[in-house]
Amino acid sequence: MLRSISHIKLHLSLIYASLYLLQDLIPTSLLKISSDLVSRSIKLFHVILKYMGIDSPAIISLEERIELVAKLYKHTLKRSELRDELFAQISKQTRNNPDR
């Protein structure tokens, strides 16, 4: 039993360690999802970076931010795997983020 508890603690610490702010694109999805959705998940992360102003040198307007949020909704409303991925990505970008 002790071994399994320490294994669970290690696994959780690895998960939490992976949920820290990134300033670059992710190479693959954060969660295990269908292979046909991985490229979409990377695009979602790109939209999040744009929204946060990380991927864009200029400050984006309110209208542009609304368009970005609409893109996120459009791509995730029908696919539960992508909704979960989006949640994980947003969690990653807000955890220990000094600008949040």
PDB file of N, CA and C in Angstrom:
ATOM      1  N   MET A   1       0.818  -1.194   0.000  1.00  0.00           N
ATOM      2  CA  MET A   1       0.000   0.000   0.000  1.00  0.00           C
ATOM      3  C   MET A   1       0.860   1.255   0.000  1.00  0.00           C
ATOM      4  N   LEU A   2       1.936   1.246   0.766  1.00  0.00           N
ATOM      5  CA  LEU A   2       2.806   2.411   0.846  1.00  0.00           C
ATOM      6  C   LEU A   2       3.412   2.747  -0.509  1.00  0.00           C
ATOM      7  N   ARG A   3       3.787   1.705  -1.241  1.00  0.00           N
ATOM      8  CA  ARG A   3       4.371   1.931  -2.549  1.00  0.00           C
ATOM      9  C   ARG A   3       3.364   2.597  -3.485  1.00  0.00           C
ATOM     10  N   SER A   4       2.130   2.173  -3.444  1.00  0.00           N
ATOM     11  CA  SER A   4       1.134   2.748  -4.332  1.00  0.00           C
ATOM     12  C   SER A   4       0.837   4.202  -3.967  1.00  0.00           C
ATOM     13  N   ILE A   5       0.866   4.546  -2.683  1.00  0.00           N
ATOM     14  CA  ILE A   5       0.641   5.931  -2.275  1.00  0.00           C
ATOM     15  C   ILE A   5       1.796   6.812  -2.747  1.00  0.00           C
ATOM     16  N   SER A   6       3.008   6.349  -2.597  1.00  0.00           N
ATOM     17  CA  SER A   6       4.142   7.147  -3.056  1.00  0.00           C
ATOM     18  C   SER A   6       4.137   7.263  -4.577  1.00  0.00           C
ATOM     19  N   HIS A   7       3.683   6.219  -5.260  1.00  0.00           N
ATOM     20  CA  HIS A   7       3.565   6.270  -6.714  1.00  0.00           C
ATOM     21  C   HIS A   7       2.530   7.317  -7.130  1.00  0.00           C
ATOM     22  N   ILE A   8       1.408   7.364  -6.432  1.00  0.00           N
ATOM     23  CA  ILE A   8       0.358   8.348  -6.720  1.00  0.00           C
ATOM     24  C   ILE A   8       0.877   9.764  -6.466  1.00  0.00           C
ATOM     25  N   LYS A   9       1.596   9.954  -5.362  1.00  0.00           N
ATOM     26  CA  LYS A   9       2.154  11.278  -5.059  1.00  0.00           C
ATOM     27  C   LYS A   9       3.124  11.720  -6.141  1.00  0.00           C
ATOM     28  N   LEU A  10       3.966  10.808  -6.616  1.00  0.00           N
ATOM     29  CA  LEU A  10       4.907  11.136  -7.687  1.00  0.00           C
ATOM     30  C   LEU A  10       4.159  11.509  -8.950  1.00  0.00           C
ATOM     31  N   HIS A  11       3.148  10.728  -9.288  1.00  0.00           N
ATOM     32  CA  HIS A  11       2.357  11.004 -10.487  1.00  0.00           C
ATOM     33  C   HIS A  11       1.690  12.376 -10.402  1.00  0.00           C
ATOM     34  N   LEU A  12       1.108  12.695  -9.256  1.00  0.00           N
ATOM     35  CA  LEU A  12       0.462  13.997  -9.081  1.00  0.00           C
ATOM     36  C   LEU A  12       1.466  15.138  -9.156  1.00  0.00           C
ATOM     37  N   SER A  13       2.648  14.943  -8.589  1.00  0.00           N
ATOM     38  CA  SER A  13       3.650  16.007  -8.647  1.00  0.00           C
ATOM     39  C   SER A  13       4.107  16.245 -10.082  1.00  0.00           C
ATOM     40  N   LEU A  14       4.175  15.200 -10.892  1.00  0.00           N
ATOM     41  CA  LEU A  14       4.538  15.364 -12.303  1.00  0.00           C
ATOM     42  C   LEU A  14       3.446  16.103 -13.057  1.00  0.00           C
ATOM     43  N   ILE A  15       2.201  15.804 -12.734  1.00  0.00           N
ATOM     44  CA  ILE A  15       1.083  16.512 -13.378  1.00  0.00           C
ATOM     45  C   ILE A  15       1.129  17.991 -13.022  1.00  0.00           C
ATOM     46  N   TYR A  16       1.275  18.305 -11.725  1.00  0.00           N
ATOM     47  CA  TYR A  16       1.313  19.710 -11.312  1.00  0.00           C
ATOM     48  C   TYR A  16       2.519  20.429 -11.890  1.00  0.00           C
ATOM     49  N   ALA A  17       3.645  19.751 -12.003  1.00  0.00           N
ATOM     50  CA  ALA A  17       4.836  20.376 -12.569  1.00  0.00           C
ATOM     51  C   ALA A  17       4.618  20.741 -14.034  1.00  0.00           C
ATOM     52  N   SER A  18       3.782  19.971 -14.734  1.00  0.00           N
ATOM     53  CA  SER A  18       3.539  20.256 -16.145  1.00  0.00           C
ATOM     54  C   SER A  18       2.522  21.370 -16.336  1.00  0.00           C
ATOM     55  N   LEU A  19       1.885  21.820 -15.259  1.00  0.00           N
ATOM     56  CA  LEU A  19       0.852  22.843 -15.368  1.00  0.00           C
ATOM     57  C   LEU A  19       1.367  24.225 -14.980  1.00  0.00           C
ATOM     58  N   TYR A  20       2.466  24.624 -15.564  1.00  0.00           N
ATOM     59  CA  TYR A  20       2.991  25.956 -15.319  1.00  0.00           C
ATOM     60  C   TYR A  20       2.998  26.751 -16.615  1.00  0.00           C
ATOM     61  N   LEU A  21       2.902  28.038 -16.473  1.00  0.00           N
ATOM     62  CA  LEU A  21       2.850  28.978 -17.584  1.00  0.00           C
ATOM     63  C   LEU A  21       3.915  28.698 -18.634  1.00  0.00           C
ATOM     64  N   LEU A  22       3.494  28.703 -19.889  1.00  0.00           N
ATOM     65  CA  LEU A  22       4.412  28.580 -21.022  1.00  0.00           C
ATOM     66  C   LEU A  22       4.303  29.819 -21.889  1.00  0.00           C
ATOM     67  N   GLN A  23       5.415  30.187 -22.501  1.00  0.00           N
ATOM     68  CA  GLN A  23       5.406  31.327 -23.409  1.00  0.00           C
ATOM     69  C   GLN A  23       5.603  30.886 -24.851  1.00  0.00           C
ATOM     70  N   ASP A  24       5.763  29.600 -25.069  1.00  0.00           N
ATOM     71  CA  ASP A  24       5.954  29.046 -26.405  1.00  0.00           C
ATOM     72  C   ASP A  24       4.835  28.059 -26.704  1.00  0.00           C
ATOM     73  N   LEU A  25       4.698  27.728 -27.982  1.00  0.00           N
ATOM     74  CA  LEU A  25       3.691  26.751 -28.370  1.00  0.00           C
ATOM     75  C   LEU A  25       4.007  25.385 -27.777  1.00  0.00           C
ATOM     76  N   ILE A  26       2.976  24.637 -27.499  1.00  0.00           N
ATOM     77  CA  ILE A  26       3.164  23.276 -27.013  1.00  0.00           C
ATOM     78  C   ILE A  26       3.360  22.365 -28.225  1.00  0.00           C
ATOM     79  N   PRO A  27       4.188  21.333 -28.107  1.00  0.00           N
ATOM     80  CA  PRO A  27       4.429  20.448 -29.251  1.00  0.00           C
ATOM     81  C   PRO A  27       3.302  19.442 -29.478  1.00  0.00           C
ATOM     82  N   THR A  28       2.509  19.192 -28.457  1.00  0.00           N
ATOM     83  CA  THR A  28       1.404  18.242 -28.563  1.00  0.00           C
ATOM     84  C   THR A  28       0.353  18.599 -27.512  1.00  0.00           C
ATOM     85  N   SER A  29      -0.730  17.868 -27.504  1.00  0.00           N
ATOM     86  CA  SER A  29      -1.788  18.147 -26.524  1.00  0.00           C
ATOM     87  C   SER A  29      -1.295  17.842 -25.115  1.00  0.00           C
ATOM     88  N   LEU A  30      -1.896  18.497 -24.136  1.00  0.00           N
ATOM     89  CA  LEU A  30      -1.541  18.238 -22.742  1.00  0.00           C
ATOM     90  C   LEU A  30      -2.162  16.944 -22.244  1.00  0.00           C
ATOM     91  N   LEU A  31      -3.342  16.624 -22.756  1.00  0.00           N
ATOM     92  CA  LEU A  31      -4.043  15.406 -22.368  1.00  0.00           C
ATOM     93  C   LEU A  31      -3.933  14.375 -23.484  1.00  0.00           C
ATOM     94  N   LYS A  32      -4.179  13.141 -23.140  1.00  0.00           N
ATOM     95  CA  LYS A  32      -4.216  12.095 -24.167  1.00  0.00           C
ATOM     96  C   LYS A  32      -5.573  12.180 -24.850  1.00  0.00           C
ATOM     97  N   ILE A  33      -5.535  12.604 -26.120  1.00  0.00           N
ATOM     98  CA  ILE A  33      -6.763  12.743 -26.894  1.00  0.00           C
ATOM     99  C   ILE A  33      -6.573  12.040 -28.225  1.00  0.00           C
ATOM    100  N   SER A  34      -7.639  11.934 -28.988  1.00  0.00           N
ATOM    101  CA  SER A  34      -7.570  11.304 -30.309  1.00  0.00           C
ATOM    102  C   SER A  34      -6.513  11.988 -31.154  1.00  0.00           C
ATOM    103  N   SER A  35      -5.780  11.192 -31.908  1.00  0.00           N
ATOM    104  CA  SER A  35      -4.684  11.749 -32.709  1.00  0.00           C
ATOM    105  C   SER A  35      -5.171  12.778 -33.716  1.00  0.00           C
ATOM    106  N   ASP A  36      -6.407  12.646 -34.193  1.00  0.00           N
ATOM    107  CA  ASP A  36      -6.920  13.618 -35.159  1.00  0.00           C
ATOM    108  C   ASP A  36      -7.238  14.968 -34.521  1.00  0.00           C
ATOM    109  N   LEU A  37      -7.261  15.036 -33.184  1.00  0.00           N
ATOM    110  CA  LEU A  37      -7.550  16.294 -32.496  1.00  0.00           C
ATOM    111  C   LEU A  37      -6.298  16.996 -31.961  1.00  0.00           C
ATOM    112  N   VAL A  38      -5.159  16.354 -32.050  1.00  0.00           N
ATOM    113  CA  VAL A  38      -3.925  16.937 -31.492  1.00  0.00           C
ATOM    114  C   VAL A  38      -3.579  18.252 -32.179  1.00  0.00           C
ATOM    115  N   SER A  39      -3.656  18.300 -33.505  1.00  0.00           N
ATOM    116  CA  SER A  39      -3.316  19.551 -34.202  1.00  0.00           C
ATOM    117  C   SER A  39      -4.294  20.661 -33.820  1.00  0.00           C
ATOM    118  N   ARG A  40      -5.559  20.317 -33.601  1.00  0.00           N
ATOM    119  CA  ARG A  40      -6.531  21.322 -33.151  1.00  0.00           C
ATOM    120  C   ARG A  40      -6.181  21.833 -31.750  1.00  0.00           C
ATOM    121  N   SER A  41      -5.706  20.935 -30.898  1.00  0.00           N
ATOM    122  CA  SER A  41      -5.366  21.353 -29.533  1.00  0.00           C
ATOM    123  C   SER A  41      -4.182  22.314 -29.546  1.00  0.00           C
ATOM    124  N   ILE A  42      -3.249  22.099 -30.447  1.00  0.00           N
ATOM    125  CA  ILE A  42      -2.108  23.014 -30.574  1.00  0.00           C
ATOM    126  C   ILE A  42      -2.596  24.379 -31.065  1.00  0.00           C
ATOM    127  N   LYS A  43      -3.551  24.374 -31.983  1.00  0.00           N
ATOM    128  CA  LYS A  43      -4.133  25.633 -32.463  1.00  0.00           C
ATOM    129  C   LYS A  43      -4.875  26.366 -31.340  1.00  0.00           C
ATOM    130  N   LEU A  44      -5.564  25.602 -30.484  1.00  0.00           N
ATOM    131  CA  LEU A  44      -6.235  26.215 -29.338  1.00  0.00           C
ATOM    132  C   LEU A  44      -5.230  26.945 -28.453  1.00  0.00           C
ATOM    133  N   PHE A  45      -4.096  26.296 -28.207  1.00  0.00           N
ATOM    134  CA  PHE A  45      -3.070  26.909 -27.365  1.00  0.00           C
ATOM    135  C   PHE A  45      -2.527  28.182 -28.015  1.00  0.00           C
ATOM    136  N   HIS A  46      -2.402  28.171 -29.325  1.00  0.00           N
ATOM    137  CA  HIS A  46      -1.952  29.362 -30.049  1.00  0.00           C
ATOM    138  C   HIS A  46      -2.938  30.512 -29.845  1.00  0.00           C
ATOM    139  N   VAL A  47      -4.232  30.213 -29.872  1.00  0.00           N
ATOM    140  CA  VAL A  47      -5.261  31.237 -29.639  1.00  0.00           C
ATOM    141  C   VAL A  47      -5.146  31.773 -28.211  1.00  0.00           C
ATOM    142  N   ILE A  48      -4.906  30.882 -27.250  1.00  0.00           N
ATOM    143  CA  ILE A  48      -4.749  31.317 -25.856  1.00  0.00           C
ATOM    144  C   ILE A  48      -3.553  32.256 -25.725  1.00  0.00           C
ATOM    145  N   LEU A  49      -2.447  31.915 -26.368  1.00  0.00           N
ATOM    146  CA  LEU A  49      -1.264  32.782 -26.321  1.00  0.00           C
ATOM    147  C   LEU A  49      -1.552  34.146 -26.931  1.00  0.00           C
ATOM    148  N   LYS A  50      -2.295  34.161 -28.035  1.00  0.00           N
ATOM    149  CA  LYS A  50      -2.669  35.446 -28.651  1.00  0.00           C
ATOM    150  C   LYS A  50      -3.534  36.254 -27.689  1.00  0.00           C
ATOM    151  N   TYR A  51      -4.519  35.595 -27.073  1.00  0.00           N
ATOM    152  CA  TYR A  51      -5.409  36.279 -26.138  1.00  0.00           C
ATOM    153  C   TYR A  51      -4.616  36.895 -24.994  1.00  0.00           C
ATOM    154  N   MET A  52      -3.625  36.179 -24.510  1.00  0.00           N
ATOM    155  CA  MET A  52      -2.811  36.652 -23.392  1.00  0.00           C
ATOM    156  C   MET A  52      -1.799  37.713 -23.810  1.00  0.00           C
ATOM    157  N   GLY A  53      -1.636  37.902 -25.119  1.00  0.00           N
ATOM    158  CA  GLY A  53      -0.674  38.876 -25.602  1.00  0.00           C
ATOM    159  C   GLY A  53       0.748  38.348 -25.659  1.00  0.00           C
ATOM    160  N   ILE A  54       0.912  37.057 -25.465  1.00  0.00           N
ATOM    161  CA  ILE A  54       2.246  36.453 -25.487  1.00  0.00           C
ATOM    162  C   ILE A  54       2.725  36.249 -26.913  1.00  0.00           C
ATOM    163  N   ASP A  55       1.811  35.877 -27.805  1.00  0.00           N
ATOM    164  CA  ASP A  55       2.180  35.553 -29.178  1.00  0.00           C
ATOM    165  C   ASP A  55       2.096  36.751 -30.114  1.00  0.00           C
ATOM    166  N   SER A  56       1.721  37.892 -29.593  1.00  0.00           N
ATOM    167  CA  SER A  56       1.517  39.068 -30.433  1.00  0.00           C
ATOM    168  C   SER A  56       2.284  40.249 -29.844  1.00  0.00           C
ATOM    169  N   PRO A  57       3.090  40.924 -30.663  1.00  0.00           N
ATOM    170  CA  PRO A  57       3.850  42.059 -30.135  1.00  0.00           C
ATOM    171  C   PRO A  57       2.980  43.270 -29.801  1.00  0.00           C
ATOM    172  N   ALA A  58       1.848  43.400 -30.474  1.00  0.00           N
ATOM    173  CA  ALA A  58       0.971  44.551 -30.248  1.00  0.00           C
ATOM    174  C   ALA A  58      -0.119  44.187 -29.241  1.00  0.00           C
ATOM    175  N   ILE A  59      -0.633  45.194 -28.558  1.00  0.00           N
ATOM    176  CA  ILE A  59      -1.749  44.987 -27.643  1.00  0.00           C
ATOM    177  C   ILE A  59      -2.998  44.738 -28.477  1.00  0.00           C
ATOM    178  N   ILE A  60      -3.735  43.697 -28.113  1.00  0.00           N
ATOM    179  CA  ILE A  60      -4.924  43.380 -28.901  1.00  0.00           C
ATOM    180  C   ILE A  60      -6.152  44.076 -28.305  1.00  0.00           C
ATOM    181  N   SER A  61      -7.053  44.449 -29.198  1.00  0.00           N
ATOM    182  CA  SER A  61      -8.251  45.192 -28.791  1.00  0.00           C
ATOM    183  C   SER A  61      -9.284  44.259 -28.162  1.00  0.00           C
ATOM    184  N   LEU A  62     -10.282  44.850 -27.561  1.00  0.00           N
ATOM    185  CA  LEU A  62     -11.372  44.088 -26.973  1.00  0.00           C
ATOM    186  C   LEU A  62     -12.088  43.270 -28.053  1.00  0.00           C
ATOM    187  N   GLU A  63     -12.295  43.868 -29.213  1.00  0.00           N
ATOM    188  CA  GLU A  63     -12.967  43.160 -30.309  1.00  0.00           C
ATOM    189  C   GLU A  63     -12.162  41.935 -30.732  1.00  0.00           C
ATOM    190  N   GLU A  64     -10.845  42.081 -30.802  1.00  0.00           N
ATOM    191  CA  GLU A  64      -9.992  40.948 -31.169  1.00  0.00           C
ATOM    192  C   GLU A  64     -10.048  39.852 -30.105  1.00  0.00           C
ATOM    193  N   ARG A  65     -10.086  40.253 -28.840  1.00  0.00           N
ATOM    194  CA  ARG A  65     -10.187  39.262 -27.756  1.00  0.00           C
ATOM    195  C   ARG A  65     -11.512  38.512 -27.834  1.00  0.00           C
ATOM    196  N   ILE A  66     -12.575  39.219 -28.148  1.00  0.00           N
ATOM    197  CA  ILE A  66     -13.884  38.578 -28.286  1.00  0.00           C
ATOM    198  C   ILE A  66     -13.852  37.571 -29.435  1.00  0.00           C
ATOM    199  N   GLU A  67     -13.226  37.936 -30.541  1.00  0.00           N
ATOM    200  CA  GLU A  67     -13.095  37.013 -31.674  1.00  0.00           C
ATOM    201  C   GLU A  67     -12.298  35.771 -31.286  1.00  0.00           C
ATOM    202  N   LEU A  68     -11.250  35.952 -30.492  1.00  0.00           N
ATOM    203  CA  LEU A  68     -10.443  34.813 -30.060  1.00  0.00           C
ATOM    204  C   LEU A  68     -11.239  33.880 -29.159  1.00  0.00           C
ATOM    205  N   VAL A  69     -12.015  34.450 -28.241  1.00  0.00           N
ATOM    206  CA  VAL A  69     -12.855  33.627 -27.367  1.00  0.00           C
ATOM    207  C   VAL A  69     -13.903  32.888 -28.199  1.00  0.00           C
ATOM    208  N   ALA A  70     -14.463  33.561 -29.198  1.00  0.00           N
ATOM    209  CA  ALA A  70     -15.443  32.912 -30.076  1.00  0.00           C
ATOM    210  C   ALA A  70     -14.801  31.730 -30.804  1.00  0.00           C
ATOM    211  N   LYS A  71     -13.554  31.872 -31.223  1.00  0.00           N
ATOM    212  CA  LYS A  71     -12.844  30.757 -31.863  1.00  0.00           C
ATOM    213  C   LYS A  71     -12.699  29.580 -30.910  1.00  0.00           C
ATOM    214  N   LEU A  72     -12.355  29.880 -29.665  1.00  0.00           N
ATOM    215  CA  LEU A  72     -12.204  28.811 -28.676  1.00  0.00           C
ATOM    216  C   LEU A  72     -13.528  28.071 -28.486  1.00  0.00           C
ATOM    217  N   TYR A  73     -14.617  28.825 -28.348  1.00  0.00           N
ATOM    218  CA  TYR A  73     -15.927  28.202 -28.193  1.00  0.00           C
ATOM    219  C   TYR A  73     -16.296  27.372 -29.417  1.00  0.00           C
ATOM    220  N   LYS A  74     -16.077  27.939 -30.578  1.00  0.00           N
ATOM    221  CA  LYS A  74     -16.448  27.253 -31.824  1.00  0.00           C
ATOM    222  C   LYS A  74     -15.756  25.899 -31.941  1.00  0.00           C
ATOM    223  N   HIS A  75     -14.485  25.846 -31.580  1.00  0.00           N
ATOM    224  CA  HIS A  75     -13.717  24.614 -31.759  1.00  0.00           C
ATOM    225  C   HIS A  75     -13.937  23.601 -30.638  1.00  0.00           C
ATOM    226  N   THR A  76     -14.507  24.028 -29.523  1.00  0.00           N
ATOM    227  CA  THR A  76     -14.620  23.102 -28.395  1.00  0.00           C
ATOM    228  C   THR A  76     -16.046  22.736 -28.004  1.00  0.00           C
ATOM    229  N   LEU A  77     -17.030  23.427 -28.495  1.00  0.00           N
ATOM    230  CA  LEU A  77     -18.400  23.150 -28.065  1.00  0.00           C
ATOM    231  C   LEU A  77     -18.873  21.739 -28.407  1.00  0.00           C
ATOM    232  N   LYS A  78     -18.472  21.238 -29.550  1.00  0.00           N
ATOM    233  CA  LYS A  78     -18.972  19.944 -29.995  1.00  0.00           C
ATOM    234  C   LYS A  78     -18.063  18.774 -29.629  1.00  0.00           C
ATOM    235  N   ARG A  79     -16.888  19.049 -29.142  1.00  0.00           N
ATOM    236  CA  ARG A  79     -15.933  17.973 -28.846  1.00  0.00           C
ATOM    237  C   ARG A  79     -15.520  18.021 -27.383  1.00  0.00           C
ATOM    238  N   SER A  80     -16.005  17.078 -26.607  1.00  0.00           N
ATOM    239  CA  SER A  80     -15.693  17.076 -25.174  1.00  0.00           C
ATOM    240  C   SER A  80     -14.200  16.916 -24.912  1.00  0.00           C
ATOM    241  N   GLU A  81     -13.504  16.163 -25.771  1.00  0.00           N
ATOM    242  CA  GLU A  81     -12.057  16.015 -25.592  1.00  0.00           C
ATOM    243  C   GLU A  81     -11.347  17.364 -25.705  1.00  0.00           C
ATOM    244  N   LEU A  82     -11.794  18.177 -26.645  1.00  0.00           N
ATOM    245  CA  LEU A  82     -11.185  19.494 -26.819  1.00  0.00           C
ATOM    246  C   LEU A  82     -11.570  20.440 -25.689  1.00  0.00           C
ATOM    247  N   ARG A  83     -12.766  20.297 -25.149  1.00  0.00           N
ATOM    248  CA  ARG A  83     -13.143  21.116 -23.982  1.00  0.00           C
ATOM    249  C   ARG A  83     -12.241  20.804 -22.798  1.00  0.00           C
ATOM    250  N   ASP A  84     -11.994  19.524 -22.565  1.00  0.00           N
ATOM    251  CA  ASP A  84     -11.098  19.135 -21.477  1.00  0.00           C
ATOM    252  C   ASP A  84      -9.681  19.649 -21.727  1.00  0.00           C
ATOM    253  N   GLU A  85      -9.236  19.557 -22.976  1.00  0.00           N
ATOM    254  CA  GLU A  85      -7.910  20.040 -23.337  1.00  0.00           C
ATOM    255  C   GLU A  85      -7.812  21.550 -23.125  1.00  0.00           C
ATOM    256  N   LEU A  86      -8.858  22.276 -23.532  1.00  0.00           N
ATOM    257  CA  LEU A  86      -8.882  23.723 -23.346  1.00  0.00           C
ATOM    258  C   LEU A  86      -8.798  24.073 -21.864  1.00  0.00           C
ATOM    259  N   PHE A  87      -9.549  23.366 -21.027  1.00  0.00           N
ATOM    260  CA  PHE A  87      -9.501  23.603 -19.590  1.00  0.00           C
ATOM    261  C   PHE A  87      -8.079  23.390 -19.057  1.00  0.00           C
ATOM    262  N   ALA A  88      -7.439  22.320 -19.485  1.00  0.00           N
ATOM    263  CA  ALA A  88      -6.069  22.038 -19.033  1.00  0.00           C
ATOM    264  C   ALA A  88      -5.109  23.134 -19.501  1.00  0.00           C
ATOM    265  N   GLN A  89      -5.273  23.592 -20.732  1.00  0.00           N
ATOM    266  CA  GLN A  89      -4.395  24.636 -21.263  1.00  0.00           C
ATOM    267  C   GLN A  89      -4.586  25.961 -20.518  1.00  0.00           C
ATOM    268  N   ILE A  90      -5.835  26.326 -20.258  1.00  0.00           N
ATOM    269  CA  ILE A  90      -6.086  27.574 -19.537  1.00  0.00           C
ATOM    270  C   ILE A  90      -5.552  27.462 -18.114  1.00  0.00           C
ATOM    271  N   SER A  91      -5.723  26.307 -17.513  1.00  0.00           N
ATOM    272  CA  SER A  91      -5.163  26.086 -16.169  1.00  0.00           C
ATOM    273  C   SER A  91      -3.658  26.247 -16.181  1.00  0.00           C
ATOM    274  N   LYS A  92      -3.025  25.716 -17.204  1.00  0.00           N
ATOM    275  CA  LYS A  92      -1.572  25.810 -17.337  1.00  0.00           C
ATOM    276  C   LYS A  92      -1.140  27.270 -17.449  1.00  0.00           C
ATOM    277  N   GLN A  93      -1.864  28.047 -18.209  1.00  0.00           N
ATOM    278  CA  GLN A  93      -1.463  29.425 -18.461  1.00  0.00           C
ATOM    279  C   GLN A  93      -1.796  30.375 -17.308  1.00  0.00           C
ATOM    280  N   THR A  94      -2.663  29.967 -16.407  1.00  0.00           N
ATOM    281  CA  THR A  94      -2.987  30.844 -15.286  1.00  0.00           C
ATOM    282  C   THR A  94      -2.294  30.426 -13.993  1.00  0.00           C
ATOM    283  N   ARG A  95      -1.759  29.222 -13.936  1.00  0.00           N
ATOM    284  CA  ARG A  95      -1.065  28.745 -12.732  1.00  0.00           C
ATOM    285  C   ARG A  95       0.283  29.446 -12.611  1.00  0.00           C
ATOM    286  N   ASN A  96       0.501  30.092 -11.510  1.00  0.00           N
ATOM    287  CA  ASN A  96       1.744  30.820 -11.231  1.00  0.00           C
ATOM    288  C   ASN A  96       2.053  31.878 -12.286  1.00  0.00           C
ATOM    289  N   ASN A  97       1.020  32.468 -12.851  1.00  0.00           N
ATOM    290  CA  ASN A  97       1.192  33.527 -13.838  1.00  0.00           C
ATOM    291  C   ASN A  97       1.164  34.870 -13.093  1.00  0.00           C
ATOM    292  N   PRO A  98       2.249  35.631 -13.134  1.00  0.00           N
ATOM    293  CA  PRO A  98       2.289  36.893 -12.390  1.00  0.00           C
ATOM    294  C   PRO A  98       1.316  37.947 -12.949  1.00  0.00           C
ATOM    295  N   ASP A  99       0.870  37.781 -14.172  1.00  0.00           N
ATOM    296  CA  ASP A  99      -0.021  38.758 -14.811  1.00  0.00           C
ATOM    297  C   ASP A  99      -1.503  38.414 -14.720  1.00  0.00           C
ATOM    298  N   ARG A 100      -1.855  37.316 -14.070  1.00  0.00           N
ATOM    299  CA  ARG A 100      -3.272  36.905 -14.087  1.00  0.00           C
ATOM    300  C   ARG A 100      -4.131  37.764 -13.215  1.00  0.00           C
TER     301      ARG A 100
END
